[in-house]
C-alpha cells in the first residue's frame, strides 16, 4: 500500500545545485494520493474547534482550501508582500539569503478564532513563524500547523514547537 511519501517526486539540483527539491505536485495530481494527504492532514484535528484554515503561499492554498472545505470553515491566505488588495498587516522573516515579508488582510480573522495553519513543506520554519505572528497579531489562536513534508535537519519543527504550537507532519526527508 502506498504512503503519502511514495507520491512525492524528488528533483535533484533544483532550484540550485545541491538542493533535493521535494515536489508535491505529483501527489496533488493523483486523486488517491491527494485524498490520502488531506485526510491525514486533518486527522489530528478531528473534533477540535477550528474556525478558519490559513494557507501559506502558494501550495498551502491548495491544501488549505481542501481542508477548509472538509471542515466547512473559511479559508484565509497569507501571501507575499504586495499580492493582497486592501488593508493588510505585514510580518518580516529571514531567508537563507536575506529577508522576505508576508501579509494577511487586517480583517481576515477575529479575536478568539481558532486557526489551523497549512503548508506543503516545513524547512527552517521562518515562513510559518511569520504566519503564526500574523494570526496572533489579529487576536486569533493557532491550534496547530500541519505539513506534508518535514526536513528535520533544518529545524523548523523545533522552532514552531518552542513557541507552543503543535506541529503535524506526514513524512520526513533527510537533507535540504
N, C-alpha and C. Protein backbone atom coordinates (compact mmCIF):
# COMPACT_ATOMS: atom_id res chain seq x y z
N UNK A 1 0.85 -1.18 0.00
CA UNK A 1 0.00 0.00 0.00
C UNK A 1 0.90 1.25 0.00
N UNK A 2 0.58 2.20 -0.86
CA UNK A 2 1.38 3.42 -0.98
C UNK A 2 1.14 4.35 0.20
N UNK A 3 2.19 5.07 0.56
CA UNK A 3 2.09 6.12 1.57
C UNK A 3 2.16 7.47 0.86
N UNK A 4 1.87 8.54 1.59
CA UNK A 4 1.96 9.88 1.02
C UNK A 4 3.36 10.11 0.45
N UNK A 5 4.36 9.68 1.16
CA UNK A 5 5.75 9.89 0.72
C UNK A 5 6.02 9.25 -0.64
N UNK A 6 5.36 8.15 -0.93
CA UNK A 6 5.56 7.46 -2.21
C UNK A 6 5.10 8.29 -3.41
N UNK A 7 4.21 9.23 -3.19
CA UNK A 7 3.68 10.06 -4.27
C UNK A 7 4.53 11.31 -4.55
N UNK A 8 5.51 11.57 -3.70
CA UNK A 8 6.31 12.79 -3.80
C UNK A 8 7.56 12.52 -4.63
N UNK A 9 7.76 13.35 -5.65
CA UNK A 9 8.91 13.22 -6.54
C UNK A 9 10.05 14.08 -6.01
N UNK A 10 11.27 13.57 -6.09
CA UNK A 10 12.45 14.33 -5.72
C UNK A 10 13.19 14.74 -6.98
N UNK A 11 13.50 16.03 -7.09
CA UNK A 11 14.21 16.56 -8.25
C UNK A 11 15.55 17.10 -7.76
N UNK A 12 16.63 16.50 -8.22
CA UNK A 12 17.97 16.90 -7.80
C UNK A 12 18.37 18.23 -8.42
N UNK A 13 19.11 19.02 -7.64
CA UNK A 13 19.72 20.27 -8.10
C UNK A 13 18.71 21.32 -8.56
N UNK A 14 17.54 21.37 -7.92
CA UNK A 14 16.55 22.40 -8.20
C UNK A 14 16.15 23.07 -6.91
N UNK A 15 16.10 24.37 -6.81
CA UNK A 15 16.38 25.36 -7.85
C UNK A 15 17.86 25.69 -7.99
N UNK A 16 18.70 25.09 -7.11
CA UNK A 16 20.14 25.32 -7.15
C UNK A 16 20.85 23.99 -7.00
N UNK A 17 22.09 23.94 -7.46
CA UNK A 17 22.89 22.74 -7.32
C UNK A 17 23.00 22.36 -5.83
N UNK A 18 22.85 21.08 -5.56
CA UNK A 18 22.96 20.59 -4.20
C UNK A 18 21.63 20.50 -3.45
N UNK A 19 20.57 21.08 -4.02
CA UNK A 19 19.25 21.03 -3.40
C UNK A 19 18.48 19.83 -3.94
N UNK A 20 17.85 19.09 -3.04
CA UNK A 20 16.95 17.99 -3.42
C UNK A 20 15.53 18.52 -3.23
N UNK A 21 14.89 18.92 -4.31
CA UNK A 21 13.56 19.53 -4.25
C UNK A 21 12.50 18.45 -4.09
N UNK A 22 11.66 18.59 -3.07
CA UNK A 22 10.59 17.64 -2.82
C UNK A 22 9.32 18.17 -3.47
N UNK A 23 8.97 17.58 -4.61
CA UNK A 23 7.90 18.06 -5.47
C UNK A 23 6.57 17.38 -5.12
N UNK A 24 5.67 18.15 -4.49
CA UNK A 24 4.37 17.59 -4.10
C UNK A 24 3.33 17.67 -5.22
N UNK A 25 3.68 18.26 -6.36
CA UNK A 25 2.69 18.35 -7.44
C UNK A 25 2.31 16.96 -7.95
N UNK A 26 3.22 16.00 -7.84
CA UNK A 26 2.88 14.62 -8.24
C UNK A 26 1.87 14.01 -7.27
N UNK A 27 1.95 14.39 -6.01
CA UNK A 27 0.96 13.97 -5.01
C UNK A 27 -0.39 14.61 -5.32
N UNK A 28 -0.39 15.92 -5.59
CA UNK A 28 -1.63 16.64 -5.90
C UNK A 28 -2.33 16.07 -7.14
N UNK A 29 -1.55 15.62 -8.11
CA UNK A 29 -2.10 15.15 -9.39
C UNK A 29 -2.77 13.79 -9.28
N UNK A 30 -2.45 13.04 -8.26
CA UNK A 30 -3.02 11.70 -8.10
C UNK A 30 -4.23 11.77 -7.16
N UNK A 31 -5.42 11.40 -7.61
CA UNK A 31 -6.61 11.54 -6.76
C UNK A 31 -6.53 10.76 -5.45
N UNK A 32 -5.98 9.57 -5.47
CA UNK A 32 -5.86 8.78 -4.24
C UNK A 32 -4.81 9.40 -3.31
N UNK A 33 -3.69 9.79 -3.87
CA UNK A 33 -2.64 10.39 -3.07
C UNK A 33 -3.09 11.71 -2.44
N UNK A 34 -3.76 12.54 -3.24
CA UNK A 34 -4.23 13.83 -2.75
C UNK A 34 -5.26 13.64 -1.63
N UNK A 35 -6.19 12.73 -1.84
CA UNK A 35 -7.20 12.44 -0.83
C UNK A 35 -6.56 11.92 0.46
N UNK A 36 -5.58 11.02 0.30
CA UNK A 36 -4.88 10.47 1.46
C UNK A 36 -4.19 11.59 2.25
N UNK A 37 -3.54 12.50 1.53
CA UNK A 37 -2.84 13.60 2.20
C UNK A 37 -3.82 14.49 2.96
N UNK A 38 -4.91 14.87 2.34
CA UNK A 38 -5.90 15.74 3.00
C UNK A 38 -6.46 15.05 4.23
N UNK A 39 -6.82 13.79 4.10
CA UNK A 39 -7.36 13.04 5.25
C UNK A 39 -6.34 12.98 6.39
N UNK A 40 -5.09 12.73 6.07
CA UNK A 40 -4.06 12.61 7.11
C UNK A 40 -3.71 13.97 7.72
N UNK A 41 -3.76 15.03 6.93
CA UNK A 41 -3.51 16.36 7.47
C UNK A 41 -4.61 16.76 8.46
N UNK A 42 -5.81 16.32 8.20
CA UNK A 42 -6.98 16.63 9.03
C UNK A 42 -7.07 15.77 10.29
N UNK A 43 -6.63 14.54 10.20
CA UNK A 43 -6.88 13.54 11.25
C UNK A 43 -6.56 14.02 12.68
N UNK A 44 -5.41 14.64 12.93
CA UNK A 44 -5.10 15.04 14.32
C UNK A 44 -6.05 16.10 14.88
N UNK A 45 -6.82 16.72 14.02
CA UNK A 45 -7.68 17.82 14.46
C UNK A 45 -9.16 17.42 14.46
N UNK A 46 -9.43 16.13 14.29
CA UNK A 46 -10.81 15.65 14.33
C UNK A 46 -11.42 15.99 15.68
N UNK A 47 -12.54 16.67 15.67
CA UNK A 47 -13.23 17.04 16.90
C UNK A 47 -12.75 18.34 17.53
N UNK A 48 -11.65 18.89 17.04
CA UNK A 48 -11.14 20.16 17.58
C UNK A 48 -11.94 21.32 16.99
N UNK A 49 -12.05 22.39 17.75
CA UNK A 49 -12.70 23.59 17.24
C UNK A 49 -11.71 24.32 16.33
N UNK A 50 -12.07 24.43 15.07
CA UNK A 50 -11.29 25.21 14.11
C UNK A 50 -12.27 26.12 13.39
N UNK A 51 -11.99 27.43 13.46
CA UNK A 51 -12.87 28.41 12.82
C UNK A 51 -12.41 28.80 11.43
N UNK A 52 -11.09 28.79 11.21
CA UNK A 52 -10.54 29.16 9.91
C UNK A 52 -9.30 28.32 9.63
N UNK A 53 -9.07 28.09 8.36
CA UNK A 53 -7.83 27.48 7.89
C UNK A 53 -7.04 28.56 7.19
N UNK A 54 -5.78 28.69 7.56
CA UNK A 54 -4.87 29.66 6.94
C UNK A 54 -3.87 28.88 6.09
N UNK A 55 -3.78 29.24 4.82
CA UNK A 55 -2.82 28.62 3.91
C UNK A 55 -1.69 29.57 3.60
N UNK A 56 -0.46 29.05 3.63
CA UNK A 56 0.72 29.85 3.32
C UNK A 56 1.03 29.74 1.84
N UNK A 57 1.37 30.86 1.24
CA UNK A 57 1.63 30.90 -0.21
C UNK A 57 2.75 29.94 -0.56
N UNK A 58 2.59 29.18 -1.61
CA UNK A 58 1.46 29.08 -2.51
C UNK A 58 0.80 27.71 -2.41
N UNK A 59 1.59 26.67 -2.19
CA UNK A 59 0.99 25.33 -2.15
C UNK A 59 0.09 25.14 -0.93
N UNK A 60 0.27 25.96 0.09
CA UNK A 60 -0.63 25.93 1.23
C UNK A 60 -2.04 26.35 0.86
N UNK A 61 -2.19 27.08 -0.25
CA UNK A 61 -3.52 27.46 -0.72
C UNK A 61 -4.27 26.23 -1.21
N UNK A 62 -3.58 25.35 -1.94
CA UNK A 62 -4.21 24.14 -2.48
C UNK A 62 -4.67 23.25 -1.33
N UNK A 63 -3.76 22.99 -0.40
CA UNK A 63 -4.09 22.13 0.73
C UNK A 63 -5.10 22.78 1.66
N UNK A 64 -4.88 24.05 1.97
CA UNK A 64 -5.76 24.76 2.89
C UNK A 64 -7.18 24.86 2.39
N UNK A 65 -7.35 25.10 1.09
CA UNK A 65 -8.69 25.17 0.52
C UNK A 65 -9.43 23.84 0.66
N UNK A 66 -8.72 22.75 0.38
CA UNK A 66 -9.34 21.43 0.50
C UNK A 66 -9.69 21.11 1.95
N UNK A 67 -8.80 21.47 2.87
CA UNK A 67 -9.05 21.20 4.29
C UNK A 67 -10.19 22.06 4.81
N UNK A 68 -10.22 23.34 4.43
CA UNK A 68 -11.32 24.21 4.84
C UNK A 68 -12.65 23.67 4.34
N UNK A 69 -12.67 23.18 3.12
CA UNK A 69 -13.88 22.59 2.55
C UNK A 69 -14.34 21.39 3.39
N UNK A 70 -13.41 20.51 3.73
CA UNK A 70 -13.75 19.34 4.54
C UNK A 70 -14.28 19.72 5.91
N UNK A 71 -13.74 20.80 6.48
CA UNK A 71 -14.16 21.23 7.82
C UNK A 71 -15.37 22.17 7.79
N UNK A 72 -15.75 22.60 6.60
CA UNK A 72 -16.83 23.57 6.42
C UNK A 72 -16.53 24.86 7.21
N UNK A 73 -15.32 25.37 7.01
CA UNK A 73 -14.90 26.62 7.62
C UNK A 73 -14.30 27.51 6.53
N UNK A 74 -14.04 28.75 6.88
CA UNK A 74 -13.45 29.68 5.93
C UNK A 74 -11.97 29.43 5.72
N UNK A 75 -11.49 29.94 4.59
CA UNK A 75 -10.08 29.86 4.24
C UNK A 75 -9.49 31.26 4.13
N UNK A 76 -8.29 31.44 4.69
CA UNK A 76 -7.61 32.74 4.67
C UNK A 76 -6.20 32.54 4.11
N UNK A 77 -5.85 33.29 3.04
CA UNK A 77 -4.48 33.18 2.53
C UNK A 77 -3.53 34.15 3.22
N UNK A 78 -2.31 33.68 3.44
CA UNK A 78 -1.21 34.56 3.81
C UNK A 78 -0.29 34.58 2.60
N UNK A 79 -0.05 35.80 2.10
CA UNK A 79 0.66 35.94 0.83
C UNK A 79 1.93 36.75 0.98
N UNK A 80 2.74 36.69 -0.05
CA UNK A 80 3.93 37.52 -0.12
C UNK A 80 3.51 38.98 -0.25
N UNK A 81 4.34 39.86 0.25
CA UNK A 81 4.06 41.30 0.26
C UNK A 81 3.63 41.80 -1.13
N UNK A 82 2.57 42.60 -1.12
CA UNK A 82 2.10 43.23 -2.34
C UNK A 82 1.13 42.42 -3.17
N UNK A 83 0.74 41.24 -2.73
CA UNK A 83 -0.15 40.38 -3.50
C UNK A 83 -1.62 40.47 -3.09
N UNK A 84 -1.90 41.02 -1.91
CA UNK A 84 -3.28 41.12 -1.43
C UNK A 84 -3.80 42.54 -1.64
N UNK A 85 -5.01 42.68 -2.16
CA UNK A 85 -5.61 44.01 -2.26
C UNK A 85 -6.16 44.43 -0.90
N UNK A 86 -6.37 45.69 -0.70
CA UNK A 86 -6.98 46.16 0.54
C UNK A 86 -5.96 46.29 1.66
N UNK A 87 -6.48 46.58 2.86
CA UNK A 87 -5.64 46.83 4.03
C UNK A 87 -5.07 45.51 4.56
N UNK A 88 -3.78 45.51 4.83
CA UNK A 88 -3.09 44.32 5.32
C UNK A 88 -2.19 44.67 6.50
N UNK A 89 -1.77 43.63 7.22
CA UNK A 89 -0.67 43.77 8.16
C UNK A 89 0.46 42.88 7.65
N UNK A 90 1.69 43.23 7.98
CA UNK A 90 2.87 42.56 7.44
C UNK A 90 3.74 41.98 8.54
N UNK A 91 4.50 40.96 8.17
CA UNK A 91 5.47 40.36 9.08
C UNK A 91 6.70 39.96 8.28
N UNK A 92 7.85 40.53 8.65
CA UNK A 92 9.11 40.16 8.01
C UNK A 92 9.64 38.88 8.62
N UNK A 93 10.42 38.14 7.84
CA UNK A 93 11.10 36.95 8.33
C UNK A 93 12.37 36.75 7.53
N UNK A 94 13.28 35.97 8.11
CA UNK A 94 14.59 35.77 7.49
C UNK A 94 14.57 34.60 6.52
N UNK A 95 15.27 34.81 5.41
CA UNK A 95 15.53 33.77 4.44
C UNK A 95 17.01 33.42 4.51
N UNK A 96 17.39 32.37 3.81
CA UNK A 96 18.80 31.99 3.78
C UNK A 96 19.66 33.15 3.27
N UNK A 97 19.14 33.90 2.28
CA UNK A 97 19.91 34.98 1.68
C UNK A 97 19.17 36.31 1.79
N UNK A 98 18.70 36.67 2.96
CA UNK A 98 18.05 37.97 3.11
C UNK A 98 16.79 37.88 3.93
N UNK A 99 15.80 38.67 3.51
CA UNK A 99 14.57 38.79 4.26
C UNK A 99 13.39 38.84 3.29
N UNK A 100 12.24 38.38 3.75
CA UNK A 100 11.00 38.45 2.98
C UNK A 100 9.90 38.95 3.90
N UNK A 101 8.76 39.26 3.31
CA UNK A 101 7.63 39.78 4.09
C UNK A 101 6.37 39.05 3.65
N UNK A 102 5.57 38.62 4.64
CA UNK A 102 4.27 38.00 4.40
C UNK A 102 3.19 38.95 4.88
N UNK A 103 2.00 38.84 4.27
CA UNK A 103 0.88 39.72 4.63
C UNK A 103 -0.42 38.94 4.74
N UNK A 104 -1.32 39.51 5.55
CA UNK A 104 -2.68 38.99 5.71
C UNK A 104 -3.61 40.20 5.74
N UNK A 105 -4.82 40.05 5.25
CA UNK A 105 -5.79 41.14 5.37
C UNK A 105 -6.02 41.46 6.85
N UNK A 106 -6.13 42.73 7.15
CA UNK A 106 -6.26 43.13 8.56
C UNK A 106 -7.60 42.76 9.19
N UNK A 107 -8.54 42.31 8.36
CA UNK A 107 -9.85 41.89 8.88
C UNK A 107 -10.15 40.41 8.61
N UNK A 108 -9.11 39.63 8.30
CA UNK A 108 -9.30 38.24 7.89
C UNK A 108 -9.68 37.32 9.05
N UNK A 109 -9.26 37.68 10.25
CA UNK A 109 -9.53 36.85 11.43
C UNK A 109 -10.08 37.73 12.53
N UNK A 110 -10.92 37.11 13.37
CA UNK A 110 -11.48 37.81 14.52
C UNK A 110 -10.78 37.34 15.80
N UNK A 111 -10.69 38.22 16.79
CA UNK A 111 -10.10 37.80 18.06
C UNK A 111 -10.82 36.57 18.62
N UNK A 112 -10.02 35.62 19.09
CA UNK A 112 -10.57 34.40 19.67
C UNK A 112 -10.79 33.27 18.69
N UNK A 113 -10.73 33.54 17.39
CA UNK A 113 -10.92 32.45 16.43
C UNK A 113 -9.78 31.45 16.53
N UNK A 114 -10.12 30.19 16.33
CA UNK A 114 -9.15 29.09 16.34
C UNK A 114 -8.73 28.81 14.91
N UNK A 115 -7.41 28.77 14.68
CA UNK A 115 -6.86 28.71 13.32
C UNK A 115 -5.93 27.51 13.17
N UNK A 116 -6.05 26.83 12.03
CA UNK A 116 -5.12 25.79 11.63
C UNK A 116 -4.31 26.34 10.46
N UNK A 117 -2.98 26.34 10.58
CA UNK A 117 -2.10 26.80 9.51
C UNK A 117 -1.62 25.60 8.70
N UNK A 118 -1.65 25.75 7.37
CA UNK A 118 -1.35 24.64 6.46
C UNK A 118 -0.32 25.08 5.42
N UNK A 119 0.64 24.20 5.17
CA UNK A 119 1.58 24.38 4.06
C UNK A 119 2.08 23.02 3.63
N UNK A 120 2.77 22.98 2.50
CA UNK A 120 3.23 21.69 1.99
C UNK A 120 4.50 21.21 2.67
N UNK A 121 5.43 22.14 2.98
CA UNK A 121 6.75 21.73 3.43
C UNK A 121 7.25 22.60 4.57
N UNK A 122 7.84 21.97 5.56
CA UNK A 122 8.43 22.66 6.70
C UNK A 122 9.95 22.49 6.61
N UNK A 123 10.64 23.61 6.43
CA UNK A 123 12.11 23.59 6.36
C UNK A 123 12.66 24.29 7.60
N UNK A 124 13.03 25.56 7.47
CA UNK A 124 13.56 26.31 8.61
C UNK A 124 12.45 26.82 9.52
N UNK A 125 11.23 26.89 9.01
CA UNK A 125 10.10 27.35 9.81
C UNK A 125 9.85 28.84 9.75
N UNK A 126 10.68 29.60 9.04
CA UNK A 126 10.56 31.05 9.01
C UNK A 126 9.25 31.55 8.45
N UNK A 127 8.79 30.96 7.35
CA UNK A 127 7.53 31.39 6.75
C UNK A 127 6.37 31.12 7.70
N UNK A 128 6.35 29.93 8.27
CA UNK A 128 5.26 29.57 9.18
C UNK A 128 5.31 30.41 10.45
N UNK A 129 6.50 30.67 10.96
CA UNK A 129 6.62 31.52 12.13
C UNK A 129 6.04 32.91 11.85
N UNK A 130 6.30 33.45 10.66
CA UNK A 130 5.71 34.74 10.28
C UNK A 130 4.19 34.62 10.23
N UNK A 131 3.68 33.50 9.70
CA UNK A 131 2.24 33.28 9.67
C UNK A 131 1.63 33.22 11.05
N UNK A 132 2.29 32.54 11.97
CA UNK A 132 1.80 32.46 13.35
C UNK A 132 1.72 33.85 13.96
N UNK A 133 2.76 34.65 13.77
CA UNK A 133 2.77 36.01 14.32
C UNK A 133 1.64 36.86 13.74
N UNK A 134 1.38 36.72 12.44
CA UNK A 134 0.28 37.48 11.83
C UNK A 134 -1.07 37.07 12.43
N UNK A 135 -1.29 35.78 12.56
CA UNK A 135 -2.53 35.27 13.15
C UNK A 135 -2.69 35.81 14.57
N UNK A 136 -1.64 35.74 15.35
CA UNK A 136 -1.70 36.19 16.73
C UNK A 136 -1.90 37.70 16.83
N UNK A 137 -1.31 38.45 15.94
CA UNK A 137 -1.49 39.91 15.95
C UNK A 137 -2.94 40.31 15.70
N UNK A 138 -3.69 39.45 15.00
CA UNK A 138 -5.12 39.70 14.78
C UNK A 138 -5.97 39.18 15.93
N UNK A 139 -5.34 38.60 16.95
CA UNK A 139 -6.06 38.14 18.13
C UNK A 139 -6.58 36.72 18.04
N UNK A 140 -6.26 36.02 16.96
CA UNK A 140 -6.70 34.63 16.81
C UNK A 140 -5.66 33.70 17.44
N UNK A 141 -6.04 32.45 17.61
CA UNK A 141 -5.18 31.45 18.25
C UNK A 141 -4.85 30.34 17.26
N UNK A 142 -3.58 30.01 17.15
CA UNK A 142 -3.15 28.91 16.28
C UNK A 142 -3.27 27.61 17.07
N UNK A 143 -4.16 26.72 16.61
CA UNK A 143 -4.34 25.43 17.29
C UNK A 143 -3.35 24.39 16.80
N UNK A 144 -2.75 24.64 15.64
CA UNK A 144 -1.76 23.72 15.10
C UNK A 144 -1.30 24.15 13.73
N UNK A 145 -0.20 23.54 13.32
CA UNK A 145 0.35 23.73 11.97
C UNK A 145 0.51 22.33 11.38
N UNK A 146 0.10 22.16 10.14
CA UNK A 146 0.14 20.84 9.53
C UNK A 146 0.81 20.94 8.15
N UNK A 147 1.70 19.98 7.89
CA UNK A 147 2.52 19.97 6.68
C UNK A 147 2.58 18.56 6.11
N UNK A 148 2.79 18.46 4.82
CA UNK A 148 3.02 17.16 4.21
C UNK A 148 4.44 16.69 4.52
N UNK A 149 5.43 17.55 4.27
CA UNK A 149 6.84 17.17 4.36
C UNK A 149 7.55 18.00 5.43
N UNK A 150 8.41 17.33 6.20
CA UNK A 150 9.32 18.00 7.12
C UNK A 150 10.75 17.65 6.70
N UNK A 151 11.61 18.68 6.72
CA UNK A 151 13.05 18.49 6.55
C UNK A 151 13.67 18.72 7.93
N UNK A 152 13.70 17.68 8.77
CA UNK A 152 14.04 17.87 10.19
C UNK A 152 15.42 18.47 10.43
N UNK A 153 16.37 18.23 9.55
CA UNK A 153 17.72 18.76 9.73
C UNK A 153 17.75 20.29 9.74
N UNK A 154 16.72 20.93 9.17
CA UNK A 154 16.69 22.39 9.08
C UNK A 154 16.03 23.04 10.30
N UNK A 155 15.42 22.24 11.18
CA UNK A 155 15.00 22.73 12.49
C UNK A 155 13.67 23.48 12.57
N UNK A 156 12.89 23.49 11.53
CA UNK A 156 11.62 24.22 11.56
C UNK A 156 10.64 23.73 12.60
N UNK A 157 10.54 22.43 12.74
CA UNK A 157 9.59 21.87 13.72
C UNK A 157 9.96 22.31 15.13
N UNK A 158 11.25 22.23 15.46
CA UNK A 158 11.70 22.66 16.79
C UNK A 158 11.37 24.13 17.02
N UNK A 159 11.59 24.96 16.02
CA UNK A 159 11.30 26.39 16.14
C UNK A 159 9.83 26.63 16.48
N UNK A 160 8.93 25.98 15.76
CA UNK A 160 7.50 26.17 15.97
C UNK A 160 7.05 25.59 17.31
N UNK A 161 7.55 24.42 17.66
CA UNK A 161 7.15 23.80 18.92
C UNK A 161 7.66 24.58 20.12
N UNK A 162 8.80 25.24 19.99
CA UNK A 162 9.30 26.09 21.08
C UNK A 162 8.35 27.26 21.35
N UNK A 163 7.54 27.60 20.37
CA UNK A 163 6.54 28.65 20.54
C UNK A 163 5.23 28.11 21.08
N UNK A 164 5.20 26.83 21.39
CA UNK A 164 4.00 26.22 21.95
C UNK A 164 2.95 25.84 20.92
N UNK A 165 3.36 25.75 19.66
CA UNK A 165 2.41 25.41 18.59
C UNK A 165 2.60 23.94 18.21
N UNK A 166 1.54 23.13 18.31
CA UNK A 166 1.64 21.73 17.89
C UNK A 166 1.87 21.63 16.37
N UNK A 167 2.73 20.71 15.99
CA UNK A 167 3.09 20.52 14.58
C UNK A 167 2.76 19.09 14.17
N UNK A 168 2.10 18.96 13.03
CA UNK A 168 1.79 17.66 12.43
C UNK A 168 2.47 17.59 11.07
N UNK A 169 3.20 16.49 10.81
CA UNK A 169 3.80 16.27 9.50
C UNK A 169 3.49 14.85 9.07
N UNK A 170 3.34 14.67 7.75
CA UNK A 170 3.00 13.35 7.24
C UNK A 170 4.22 12.51 6.92
N UNK A 171 5.34 13.14 6.53
CA UNK A 171 6.55 12.40 6.22
C UNK A 171 7.77 13.30 6.34
N UNK A 172 8.93 12.69 6.40
CA UNK A 172 10.19 13.41 6.52
C UNK A 172 11.13 12.97 5.41
N UNK A 173 11.99 13.90 5.01
CA UNK A 173 13.08 13.61 4.09
C UNK A 173 14.36 14.12 4.71
N UNK A 174 15.45 13.37 4.55
CA UNK A 174 16.75 13.81 5.01
C UNK A 174 17.29 14.87 4.07
N UNK A 175 18.14 15.73 4.60
CA UNK A 175 18.82 16.72 3.78
C UNK A 175 17.97 17.92 3.47
N UNK A 176 18.57 18.82 2.72
CA UNK A 176 17.87 20.08 2.36
C UNK A 176 17.14 19.93 1.05
